[in-house]
Amino acid sequence: MVSRHWMGLAHRDRANEYVLHLQHDTFRKIKSINGFKAAHILKREVDEGTEFLIITEWENIDAIKEFAGANFDVAVVPQLVQEIMIRYDDKVRHYDVEFETAAK
């Protein structure tokens, strides 16, 4: 499994708009991709605004390429999201999931 990480700092007054965009647009689209496993929205308030860490989990890099294209290390940041953000990662980070555990 591969974990894909992206971080962005949103204008505080637009943070909820970003969450809605993820839930109603991005995540709906990626749910249909074979090999998509899960998505997480992590957020915290910082001095400058609302920071988000978006983590998606995939079976393999080929599934990620279906979402992000051949240059899968480049972040997929639609124009709306660019307007919501103060700053954001241009590149994503991918991690091979070495081990995971869950509660019983």
PDB file of N, CA and C in Angstrom:
ATOM      1  N   MET A   1       0.856  -1.179   0.000  1.00  0.00           N
ATOM      2  CA  MET A   1       0.000   0.000   0.000  1.00  0.00           C
ATOM      3  C   MET A   1       0.896   1.234   0.000  1.00  0.00           C
ATOM      4  N   VAL A   2       0.400   2.313  -0.621  1.00  0.00           N
ATOM      5  CA  VAL A   2       1.121   3.574  -0.709  1.00  0.00           C
ATOM      6  C   VAL A   2       0.269   4.665  -0.086  1.00  0.00           C
ATOM      7  N   SER A   3       0.892   5.479   0.752  1.00  0.00           N
ATOM      8  CA  SER A   3       0.230   6.600   1.406  1.00  0.00           C
ATOM      9  C   SER A   3       0.730   7.894   0.752  1.00  0.00           C
ATOM     10  N   ARG A   4      -0.204   8.728   0.301  1.00  0.00           N
ATOM     11  CA  ARG A   4       0.100   9.976  -0.416  1.00  0.00           C
ATOM     12  C   ARG A   4      -0.243  11.147   0.505  1.00  0.00           C
ATOM     13  N   HIS A   5       0.732  12.051   0.740  1.00  0.00           N
ATOM     14  CA  HIS A   5       0.566  13.148   1.695  1.00  0.00           C
ATOM     15  C   HIS A   5       0.722  14.499   1.003  1.00  0.00           C
ATOM     16  N   TRP A   6      -0.190  15.415   1.317  1.00  0.00           N
ATOM     17  CA  TRP A   6      -0.166  16.777   0.774  1.00  0.00           C
ATOM     18  C   TRP A   6      -0.578  17.735   1.881  1.00  0.00           C
ATOM     19  N   MET A   7       0.098  18.891   1.950  1.00  0.00           N
ATOM     20  CA  MET A   7      -0.222  19.873   2.979  1.00  0.00           C
ATOM     21  C   MET A   7      -0.522  21.226   2.344  1.00  0.00           C
ATOM     22  N   GLY A   8      -1.516  21.898   2.924  1.00  0.00           N
ATOM     23  CA  GLY A   8      -1.858  23.247   2.490  1.00  0.00           C
ATOM     24  C   GLY A   8      -2.331  24.074   3.673  1.00  0.00           C
ATOM     25  N   LEU A   9      -2.105  25.375   3.579  1.00  0.00           N
ATOM     26  CA  LEU A   9      -2.552  26.317   4.600  1.00  0.00           C
ATOM     27  C   LEU A   9      -3.657  27.175   4.002  1.00  0.00           C
ATOM     28  N   ALA A  10      -4.866  27.054   4.555  1.00  0.00           N
ATOM     29  CA  ALA A  10      -6.044  27.745   4.033  1.00  0.00           C
ATOM     30  C   ALA A  10      -6.306  29.031   4.802  1.00  0.00           C
ATOM     31  N   HIS A  11      -6.916  29.976   4.094  1.00  0.00           N
ATOM     32  CA  HIS A  11      -7.455  31.152   4.783  1.00  0.00           C
ATOM     33  C   HIS A  11      -8.493  30.624   5.769  1.00  0.00           C
ATOM     34  N   ARG A  12      -8.421  31.060   7.005  1.00  0.00           N
ATOM     35  CA  ARG A  12      -9.281  30.537   8.068  1.00  0.00           C
ATOM     36  C   ARG A  12     -10.773  30.629   7.700  1.00  0.00           C
ATOM     37  N   ASP A  13     -11.163  31.720   7.067  1.00  0.00           N
ATOM     38  CA  ASP A  13     -12.580  31.906   6.751  1.00  0.00           C
ATOM     39  C   ASP A  13     -13.044  31.060   5.559  1.00  0.00           C
ATOM     40  N   ARG A  14     -12.111  30.342   4.922  1.00  0.00           N
ATOM     41  CA  ARG A  14     -12.473  29.486   3.789  1.00  0.00           C
ATOM     42  C   ARG A  14     -12.189  28.014   4.051  1.00  0.00           C
ATOM     43  N   ALA A  15     -11.776  27.692   5.271  1.00  0.00           N
ATOM     44  CA  ALA A  15     -11.398  26.316   5.597  1.00  0.00           C
ATOM     45  C   ALA A  15     -12.556  25.340   5.389  1.00  0.00           C
ATOM     46  N   ASN A  16     -13.744  25.692   5.826  1.00  0.00           N
ATOM     47  CA  ASN A  16     -14.897  24.799   5.649  1.00  0.00           C
ATOM     48  C   ASN A  16     -15.222  24.588   4.171  1.00  0.00           C
ATOM     49  N   GLU A  17     -15.021  25.625   3.381  1.00  0.00           N
ATOM     50  CA  GLU A  17     -15.244  25.510   1.942  1.00  0.00           C
ATOM     51  C   GLU A  17     -14.301  24.456   1.341  1.00  0.00           C
ATOM     52  N   TYR A  18     -13.080  24.435   1.825  1.00  0.00           N
ATOM     53  CA  TYR A  18     -12.115  23.444   1.342  1.00  0.00           C
ATOM     54  C   TYR A  18     -12.543  22.026   1.708  1.00  0.00           C
ATOM     55  N   VAL A  19     -12.974  21.835   2.936  1.00  0.00           N
ATOM     56  CA  VAL A  19     -13.434  20.511   3.366  1.00  0.00           C
ATOM     57  C   VAL A  19     -14.609  20.053   2.497  1.00  0.00           C
ATOM     58  N   LEU A  20     -15.543  20.936   2.247  1.00  0.00           N
ATOM     59  CA  LEU A  20     -16.689  20.585   1.397  1.00  0.00           C
ATOM     60  C   LEU A  20     -16.241  20.231  -0.015  1.00  0.00           C
ATOM     61  N   HIS A  21     -15.279  20.977  -0.546  1.00  0.00           N
ATOM     62  CA  HIS A  21     -14.744  20.658  -1.875  1.00  0.00           C
ATOM     63  C   HIS A  21     -14.177  19.233  -1.895  1.00  0.00           C
ATOM     64  N   LEU A  22     -13.383  18.897  -0.876  1.00  0.00           N
ATOM     65  CA  LEU A  22     -12.819  17.557  -0.822  1.00  0.00           C
ATOM     66  C   LEU A  22     -13.917  16.503  -0.765  1.00  0.00           C
ATOM     67  N   GLN A  23     -14.874  16.693   0.126  1.00  0.00           N
ATOM     68  CA  GLN A  23     -15.919  15.693   0.331  1.00  0.00           C
ATOM     69  C   GLN A  23     -16.819  15.526  -0.889  1.00  0.00           C
ATOM     70  N   HIS A  24     -17.167  16.632  -1.547  1.00  0.00           N
ATOM     71  CA  HIS A  24     -18.164  16.570  -2.609  1.00  0.00           C
ATOM     72  C   HIS A  24     -17.593  16.521  -4.016  1.00  0.00           C
ATOM     73  N   ASP A  25     -16.299  16.765  -4.155  1.00  0.00           N
ATOM     74  CA  ASP A  25     -15.695  16.734  -5.484  1.00  0.00           C
ATOM     75  C   ASP A  25     -14.541  15.728  -5.535  1.00  0.00           C
ATOM     76  N   THR A  26     -13.437  16.067  -4.917  1.00  0.00           N
ATOM     77  CA  THR A  26     -12.236  15.231  -5.025  1.00  0.00           C
ATOM     78  C   THR A  26     -12.470  13.802  -4.550  1.00  0.00           C
ATOM     79  N   PHE A  27     -12.986  13.640  -3.345  1.00  0.00           N
ATOM     80  CA  PHE A  27     -13.136  12.290  -2.802  1.00  0.00           C
ATOM     81  C   PHE A  27     -14.187  11.487  -3.557  1.00  0.00           C
ATOM     82  N   ARG A  28     -15.217  12.131  -4.047  1.00  0.00           N
ATOM     83  CA  ARG A  28     -16.214  11.406  -4.858  1.00  0.00           C
ATOM     84  C   ARG A  28     -15.570  10.863  -6.120  1.00  0.00           C
ATOM     85  N   LYS A  29     -14.682  11.666  -6.736  1.00  0.00           N
ATOM     86  CA  LYS A  29     -14.017  11.220  -7.966  1.00  0.00           C
ATOM     87  C   LYS A  29     -13.063  10.069  -7.684  1.00  0.00           C
ATOM     88  N   ILE A  30     -12.261  10.195  -6.632  1.00  0.00           N
ATOM     89  CA  ILE A  30     -11.247   9.158  -6.423  1.00  0.00           C
ATOM     90  C   ILE A  30     -11.836   7.849  -5.897  1.00  0.00           C
ATOM     91  N   LYS A  31     -13.010   7.906  -5.323  1.00  0.00           N
ATOM     92  CA  LYS A  31     -13.654   6.660  -4.873  1.00  0.00           C
ATOM     93  C   LYS A  31     -13.900   5.690  -6.026  1.00  0.00           C
ATOM     94  N   SER A  32     -14.035   6.226  -7.220  1.00  0.00           N
ATOM     95  CA  SER A  32     -14.313   5.375  -8.380  1.00  0.00           C
ATOM     96  C   SER A  32     -13.046   4.765  -8.989  1.00  0.00           C
ATOM     97  N   ILE A  33     -11.882   5.150  -8.500  1.00  0.00           N
ATOM     98  CA  ILE A  33     -10.629   4.641  -9.051  1.00  0.00           C
ATOM     99  C   ILE A  33     -10.302   3.294  -8.407  1.00  0.00           C
ATOM    100  N   ASN A  34     -10.093   2.306  -9.243  1.00  0.00           N
ATOM    101  CA  ASN A  34      -9.705   0.984  -8.759  1.00  0.00           C
ATOM    102  C   ASN A  34      -8.332   1.107  -8.093  1.00  0.00           C
ATOM    103  N   GLY A  35      -8.238   0.697  -6.844  1.00  0.00           N
ATOM    104  CA  GLY A  35      -6.986   0.785  -6.111  1.00  0.00           C
ATOM    105  C   GLY A  35      -6.973   1.879  -5.058  1.00  0.00           C
ATOM    106  N   PHE A  36      -7.993   2.734  -5.056  1.00  0.00           N
ATOM    107  CA  PHE A  36      -8.123   3.722  -3.985  1.00  0.00           C
ATOM    108  C   PHE A  36      -8.602   3.011  -2.734  1.00  0.00           C
ATOM    109  N   LYS A  37      -7.985   3.316  -1.590  1.00  0.00           N
ATOM    110  CA  LYS A  37      -8.327   2.631  -0.340  1.00  0.00           C
ATOM    111  C   LYS A  37      -9.032   3.540   0.666  1.00  0.00           C
ATOM    112  N   ALA A  38      -8.486   4.747   0.918  1.00  0.00           N
ATOM    113  CA  ALA A  38      -9.047   5.611   1.969  1.00  0.00           C
ATOM    114  C   ALA A  38      -8.508   7.030   1.810  1.00  0.00           C
ATOM    115  N   ALA A  39      -9.204   7.967   2.460  1.00  0.00           N
ATOM    116  CA  ALA A  39      -8.767   9.363   2.473  1.00  0.00           C
ATOM    117  C   ALA A  39      -9.005   9.934   3.863  1.00  0.00           C
ATOM    118  N   HIS A  40      -8.103  10.803   4.271  1.00  0.00           N
ATOM    119  CA  HIS A  40      -8.182  11.428   5.586  1.00  0.00           C
ATOM    120  C   HIS A  40      -7.939  12.926   5.451  1.00  0.00           C
ATOM    121  N   ILE A  41      -8.738  13.706   6.163  1.00  0.00           N
ATOM    122  CA  ILE A  41      -8.531  15.147   6.251  1.00  0.00           C
ATOM    123  C   ILE A  41      -8.078  15.435   7.676  1.00  0.00           C
ATOM    124  N   LEU A  42      -6.847  15.869   7.827  1.00  0.00           N
ATOM    125  CA  LEU A  42      -6.341  16.269   9.145  1.00  0.00           C
ATOM    126  C   LEU A  42      -6.225  17.786   9.132  1.00  0.00           C
ATOM    127  N   LYS A  43      -6.640  18.430  10.211  1.00  0.00           N
ATOM    128  CA  LYS A  43      -6.573  19.889  10.239  1.00  0.00           C
ATOM    129  C   LYS A  43      -6.175  20.368  11.621  1.00  0.00           C
ATOM    130  N   ARG A  44      -5.550  21.541  11.614  1.00  0.00           N
ATOM    131  CA  ARG A  44      -5.217  22.205  12.873  1.00  0.00           C
ATOM    132  C   ARG A  44      -5.147  23.698  12.621  1.00  0.00           C
ATOM    133  N   GLU A  45      -5.500  24.435  13.657  1.00  0.00           N
ATOM    134  CA  GLU A  45      -5.438  25.882  13.588  1.00  0.00           C
ATOM    135  C   GLU A  45      -4.020  26.329  13.936  1.00  0.00           C
ATOM    136  N   VAL A  46      -3.460  27.209  13.116  1.00  0.00           N
ATOM    137  CA  VAL A  46      -2.151  27.799  13.363  1.00  0.00           C
ATOM    138  C   VAL A  46      -2.308  29.311  13.267  1.00  0.00           C
ATOM    139  N   ASP A  47      -1.275  30.049  13.621  1.00  0.00           N
ATOM    140  CA  ASP A  47      -1.378  31.515  13.641  1.00  0.00           C
ATOM    141  C   ASP A  47      -1.854  32.097  12.319  1.00  0.00           C
ATOM    142  N   GLU A  48      -1.365  31.551  11.205  1.00  0.00           N
ATOM    143  CA  GLU A  48      -1.659  32.135   9.894  1.00  0.00           C
ATOM    144  C   GLU A  48      -3.011  31.734   9.305  1.00  0.00           C
ATOM    145  N   GLY A  49      -3.573  30.629   9.756  1.00  0.00           N
ATOM    146  CA  GLY A  49      -4.818  30.147   9.167  1.00  0.00           C
ATOM    147  C   GLY A  49      -5.098  28.731   9.618  1.00  0.00           C
ATOM    148  N   THR A  50      -5.700  27.943   8.731  1.00  0.00           N
ATOM    149  CA  THR A  50      -6.029  26.555   9.026  1.00  0.00           C
ATOM    150  C   THR A  50      -5.159  25.655   8.160  1.00  0.00           C
ATOM    151  N   GLU A  51      -4.384  24.821   8.824  1.00  0.00           N
ATOM    152  CA  GLU A  51      -3.477  23.924   8.112  1.00  0.00           C
ATOM    153  C   GLU A  51      -4.148  22.577   7.905  1.00  0.00           C
ATOM    154  N   PHE A  52      -4.014  22.046   6.706  1.00  0.00           N
ATOM    155  CA  PHE A  52      -4.562  20.740   6.359  1.00  0.00           C
ATOM    156  C   PHE A  52      -3.452  19.801   5.929  1.00  0.00           C
ATOM    157  N   LEU A  53      -3.556  18.578   6.364  1.00  0.00           N
ATOM    158  CA  LEU A  53      -2.740  17.487   5.850  1.00  0.00           C
ATOM    159  C   LEU A  53      -3.727  16.479   5.271  1.00  0.00           C
ATOM    160  N   ILE A  54      -3.636  16.265   3.976  1.00  0.00           N
ATOM    161  CA  ILE A  54      -4.531  15.331   3.299  1.00  0.00           C
ATOM    162  C   ILE A  54      -3.737  14.059   3.014  1.00  0.00           C
ATOM    163  N   ILE A  55      -4.250  12.950   3.498  1.00  0.00           N
ATOM    164  CA  ILE A  55      -3.597  11.661   3.304  1.00  0.00           C
ATOM    165  C   ILE A  55      -4.567  10.751   2.565  1.00  0.00           C
ATOM    166  N   THR A  56      -4.108  10.242   1.439  1.00  0.00           N
ATOM    167  CA  THR A  56      -4.889   9.240   0.730  1.00  0.00           C
ATOM    168  C   THR A  56      -4.072   7.959   0.683  1.00  0.00           C
ATOM    169  N   GLU A  57      -4.775   6.841   0.673  1.00  0.00           N
ATOM    170  CA  GLU A  57      -4.122   5.538   0.677  1.00  0.00           C
ATOM    171  C   GLU A  57      -4.558   4.767  -0.564  1.00  0.00           C
ATOM    172  N   TRP A  58      -3.570   4.131  -1.180  1.00  0.00           N
ATOM    173  CA  TRP A  58      -3.753   3.478  -2.467  1.00  0.00           C
ATOM    174  C   TRP A  58      -3.101   2.108  -2.459  1.00  0.00           C
ATOM    175  N   GLU A  59      -3.612   1.222  -3.283  1.00  0.00           N
ATOM    176  CA  GLU A  59      -3.019  -0.112  -3.396  1.00  0.00           C
ATOM    177  C   GLU A  59      -1.624  -0.043  -4.003  1.00  0.00           C
ATOM    178  N   ASN A  60      -1.431   0.860  -4.989  1.00  0.00           N
ATOM    179  CA  ASN A  60      -0.136   0.932  -5.680  1.00  0.00           C
ATOM    180  C   ASN A  60      -0.009   2.257  -6.429  1.00  0.00           C
ATOM    181  N   ILE A  61       1.167   2.474  -6.986  1.00  0.00           N
ATOM    182  CA  ILE A  61       1.443   3.712  -7.726  1.00  0.00           C
ATOM    183  C   ILE A  61       0.578   3.815  -8.978  1.00  0.00           C
ATOM    184  N   ASP A  62       0.274   2.707  -9.617  1.00  0.00           N
ATOM    185  CA  ASP A  62      -0.566   2.755 -10.820  1.00  0.00           C
ATOM    186  C   ASP A  62      -1.926   3.370 -10.519  1.00  0.00           C
ATOM    187  N   ALA A  63      -2.503   3.068  -9.368  1.00  0.00           N
ATOM    188  CA  ALA A  63      -3.787   3.668  -8.980  1.00  0.00           C
ATOM    189  C   ALA A  63      -3.623   5.173  -8.776  1.00  0.00           C
ATOM    190  N   ILE A  64      -2.516   5.578  -8.170  1.00  0.00           N
ATOM    191  CA  ILE A  64      -2.255   7.013  -7.974  1.00  0.00           C
ATOM    192  C   ILE A  64      -2.115   7.708  -9.323  1.00  0.00           C
ATOM    193  N   LYS A  65      -1.451   7.070 -10.261  1.00  0.00           N
ATOM    194  CA  LYS A  65      -1.282   7.657 -11.596  1.00  0.00           C
ATOM    195  C   LYS A  65      -2.624   7.877 -12.285  1.00  0.00           C
ATOM    196  N   GLU A  66      -3.588   7.008 -12.017  1.00  0.00           N
ATOM    197  CA  GLU A  66      -4.922   7.201 -12.602  1.00  0.00           C
ATOM    198  C   GLU A  66      -5.555   8.492 -12.093  1.00  0.00           C
ATOM    199  N   PHE A  67      -5.256   8.847 -10.856  1.00  0.00           N
ATOM    200  CA  PHE A  67      -5.754  10.096 -10.274  1.00  0.00           C
ATOM    201  C   PHE A  67      -4.903  11.294 -10.689  1.00  0.00           C
ATOM    202  N   ALA A  68      -3.589  11.178 -10.561  1.00  0.00           N
ATOM    203  CA  ALA A  68      -2.697  12.332 -10.689  1.00  0.00           C
ATOM    204  C   ALA A  68      -1.985  12.444 -12.029  1.00  0.00           C
ATOM    205  N   GLY A  69      -2.019  11.395 -12.835  1.00  0.00           N
ATOM    206  CA  GLY A  69      -1.324  11.422 -14.109  1.00  0.00           C
ATOM    207  C   GLY A  69       0.091  10.864 -13.998  1.00  0.00           C
ATOM    208  N   ALA A  70       0.810  10.916 -15.105  1.00  0.00           N
ATOM    209  CA  ALA A  70       2.147  10.330 -15.170  1.00  0.00           C
ATOM    210  C   ALA A  70       3.113  10.993 -14.187  1.00  0.00           C
ATOM    211  N   ASN A  71       2.990  12.295 -14.002  1.00  0.00           N
ATOM    212  CA  ASN A  71       3.827  13.023 -13.036  1.00  0.00           C
ATOM    213  C   ASN A  71       3.138  13.000 -11.680  1.00  0.00           C
ATOM    214  N   PHE A  72       3.031  11.814 -11.107  1.00  0.00           N
ATOM    215  CA  PHE A  72       2.209  11.611  -9.917  1.00  0.00           C
ATOM    216  C   PHE A  72       2.764  12.268  -8.659  1.00  0.00           C
ATOM    217  N   ASP A  73       4.009  12.768  -8.704  1.00  0.00           N
ATOM    218  CA  ASP A  73       4.559  13.509  -7.565  1.00  0.00           C
ATOM    219  C   ASP A  73       4.109  14.966  -7.545  1.00  0.00           C
ATOM    220  N   VAL A  74       3.532  15.430  -8.638  1.00  0.00           N
ATOM    221  CA  VAL A  74       3.027  16.806  -8.715  1.00  0.00           C
ATOM    222  C   VAL A  74       1.636  16.844  -8.087  1.00  0.00           C
ATOM    223  N   ALA A  75       1.425  17.818  -7.209  1.00  0.00           N
ATOM    224  CA  ALA A  75       0.142  17.945  -6.516  1.00  0.00           C
ATOM    225  C   ALA A  75      -0.978  18.298  -7.498  1.00  0.00           C
ATOM    226  N   VAL A  76      -2.151  17.736  -7.258  1.00  0.00           N
ATOM    227  CA  VAL A  76      -3.350  18.061  -8.027  1.00  0.00           C
ATOM    228  C   VAL A  76      -4.096  19.127  -7.221  1.00  0.00           C
ATOM    229  N   VAL A  77      -4.003  20.391  -7.687  1.00  0.00           N
ATOM    230  CA  VAL A  77      -4.573  21.513  -6.937  1.00  0.00           C
ATOM    231  C   VAL A  77      -5.441  22.339  -7.886  1.00  0.00           C
ATOM    232  N   PRO A  78      -6.752  22.087  -7.892  1.00  0.00           N
ATOM    233  CA  PRO A  78      -7.650  22.838  -8.773  1.00  0.00           C
ATOM    234  C   PRO A  78      -7.628  24.343  -8.461  1.00  0.00           C
ATOM    235  N   GLN A  79      -8.047  25.134  -9.422  1.00  0.00           N
ATOM    236  CA  GLN A  79      -8.043  26.592  -9.282  1.00  0.00           C
ATOM    237  C   GLN A  79      -8.783  27.047  -8.013  1.00  0.00           C
ATOM    238  N   LEU A  80      -9.927  26.474  -7.730  1.00  0.00           N
ATOM    239  CA  LEU A  80     -10.686  26.846  -6.528  1.00  0.00           C
ATOM    240  C   LEU A  80      -9.833  26.662  -5.273  1.00  0.00           C
ATOM    241  N   VAL A  81      -9.143  25.539  -5.194  1.00  0.00           N
ATOM    242  CA  VAL A  81      -8.313  25.256  -4.017  1.00  0.00           C
ATOM    243  C   VAL A  81      -7.146  26.235  -3.952  1.00  0.00           C
ATOM    244  N   GLN A  82      -6.564  26.576  -5.082  1.00  0.00           N
ATOM    245  CA  GLN A  82      -5.479  27.559  -5.102  1.00  0.00           C
ATOM    246  C   GLN A  82      -5.942  28.885  -4.504  1.00  0.00           C
ATOM    247  N   GLU A  83      -7.188  29.263  -4.765  1.00  0.00           N
ATOM    248  CA  GLU A  83      -7.741  30.517  -4.242  1.00  0.00           C
ATOM    249  C   GLU A  83      -8.015  30.430  -2.744  1.00  0.00           C
ATOM    250  N   ILE A  84      -8.363  29.255  -2.251  1.00  0.00           N
ATOM    251  CA  ILE A  84      -8.657  29.050  -0.834  1.00  0.00           C
ATOM    252  C   ILE A  84      -7.379  29.061   0.003  1.00  0.00           C
ATOM    253  N   MET A  85      -6.281  28.614  -0.591  1.00  0.00           N
ATOM    254  CA  MET A  85      -5.036  28.425   0.150  1.00  0.00           C
ATOM    255  C   MET A  85      -4.176  29.690   0.210  1.00  0.00           C
ATOM    256  N   ILE A  86      -3.486  29.841   1.309  1.00  0.00           N
ATOM    257  CA  ILE A  86      -2.441  30.851   1.456  1.00  0.00           C
ATOM    258  C   ILE A  86      -1.170  30.322   0.796  1.00  0.00           C
ATOM    259  N   ARG A  87      -0.857  29.077   1.100  1.00  0.00           N
ATOM    260  CA  ARG A  87       0.258  28.368   0.452  1.00  0.00           C
ATOM    261  C   ARG A  87      -0.035  26.875   0.531  1.00  0.00           C
ATOM    262  N   TYR A  88       0.648  26.122  -0.335  1.00  0.00           N
ATOM    263  CA  TYR A  88       0.417  24.684  -0.385  1.00  0.00           C
ATOM    264  C   TYR A  88       1.601  24.004  -1.051  1.00  0.00           C
ATOM    265  N   ASP A  89       1.700  22.708  -0.816  1.00  0.00           N
ATOM    266  CA  ASP A  89       2.752  21.906  -1.432  1.00  0.00           C
ATOM    267  C   ASP A  89       2.514  21.785  -2.933  1.00  0.00           C
ATOM    268  N   ASP A  90       3.569  22.031  -3.710  1.00  0.00           N
ATOM    269  CA  ASP A  90       3.503  21.790  -5.154  1.00  0.00           C
ATOM    270  C   ASP A  90       3.720  20.319  -5.474  1.00  0.00           C
ATOM    271  N   LYS A  91       4.414  19.653  -4.583  1.00  0.00           N
ATOM    272  CA  LYS A  91       4.702  18.227  -4.754  1.00  0.00           C
ATOM    273  C   LYS A  91       4.132  17.476  -3.560  1.00  0.00           C
ATOM    274  N   VAL A  92       3.765  16.245  -3.789  1.00  0.00           N
ATOM    275  CA  VAL A  92       3.268  15.380  -2.721  1.00  0.00           C
ATOM    276  C   VAL A  92       4.381  14.435  -2.301  1.00  0.00           C
ATOM    277  N   ARG A  93       4.169  13.802  -1.167  1.00  0.00           N
ATOM    278  CA  ARG A  93       5.109  12.803  -0.678  1.00  0.00           C
ATOM    279  C   ARG A  93       4.396  11.453  -0.662  1.00  0.00           C
ATOM    280  N   HIS A  94       5.098  10.448  -1.130  1.00  0.00           N
ATOM    281  CA  HIS A  94       4.557   9.084  -1.133  1.00  0.00           C
ATOM    282  C   HIS A  94       5.381   8.227  -0.199  1.00  0.00           C
ATOM    283  N   TYR A  95       4.686   7.421   0.584  1.00  0.00           N
ATOM    284  CA  TYR A  95       5.328   6.513   1.529  1.00  0.00           C
ATOM    285  C   TYR A  95       4.790   5.105   1.304  1.00  0.00           C
ATOM    286  N   ASP A  96       5.681   4.140   1.257  1.00  0.00           N
ATOM    287  CA  ASP A  96       5.245   2.748   1.275  1.00  0.00           C
ATOM    288  C   ASP A  96       4.816   2.438   2.705  1.00  0.00           C
ATOM    289  N   VAL A  97       3.646   1.857   2.853  1.00  0.00           N
ATOM    290  CA  VAL A  97       3.161   1.503   4.180  1.00  0.00           C
ATOM    291  C   VAL A  97       3.854   0.203   4.572  1.00  0.00           C
ATOM    292  N   GLU A  98       4.724   0.307   5.534  1.00  0.00           N
ATOM    293  CA  GLU A  98       5.525  -0.827   5.990  1.00  0.00           C
ATOM    294  C   GLU A  98       4.731  -1.723   6.940  1.00  0.00           C
ATOM    295  N   PHE A  99       3.898  -1.103   7.763  1.00  0.00           N
ATOM    296  CA  PHE A  99       3.150  -1.842   8.784  1.00  0.00           C
ATOM    297  C   PHE A  99       1.939  -1.000   9.171  1.00  0.00           C
ATOM    298  N   GLU A 100       0.859  -1.654   9.492  1.00  0.00           N
ATOM    299  CA  GLU A 100      -0.301  -0.955  10.046  1.00  0.00           C
ATOM    300  C   GLU A 100      -1.008  -1.883  11.028  1.00  0.00           C
ATOM    301  N   THR A 101      -1.719  -1.277  11.930  1.00  0.00           N
ATOM    302  CA  THR A 101      -2.498  -2.037  12.897  1.00  0.00           C
ATOM    303  C   THR A 101      -3.800  -1.285  13.144  1.00  0.00           C
ATOM    304  N   ALA A 102      -4.766  -1.969  13.664  1.00  0.00           N
ATOM    305  CA  ALA A 102      -6.056  -1.366  13.954  1.00  0.00           C
ATOM    306  C   ALA A 102      -6.582  -1.940  15.284  1.00  0.00           C
ATOM    307  N   ALA A 103      -7.484  -1.209  15.883  1.00  0.00           N
ATOM    308  CA  ALA A 103      -8.131  -1.708  17.102  1.00  0.00           C
ATOM    309  C   ALA A 103      -8.973  -2.917  16.750  1.00  0.00           C
ATOM    310  N   LYS A 104      -9.198  -3.763  17.746  1.00  0.00           N
ATOM    311  CA  LYS A 104     -10.009  -4.978  17.507  1.00  0.00           C
ATOM    312  C   LYS A 104     -11.453  -4.615  17.332  1.00  0.00           C
TER     313      LYS A 104
END
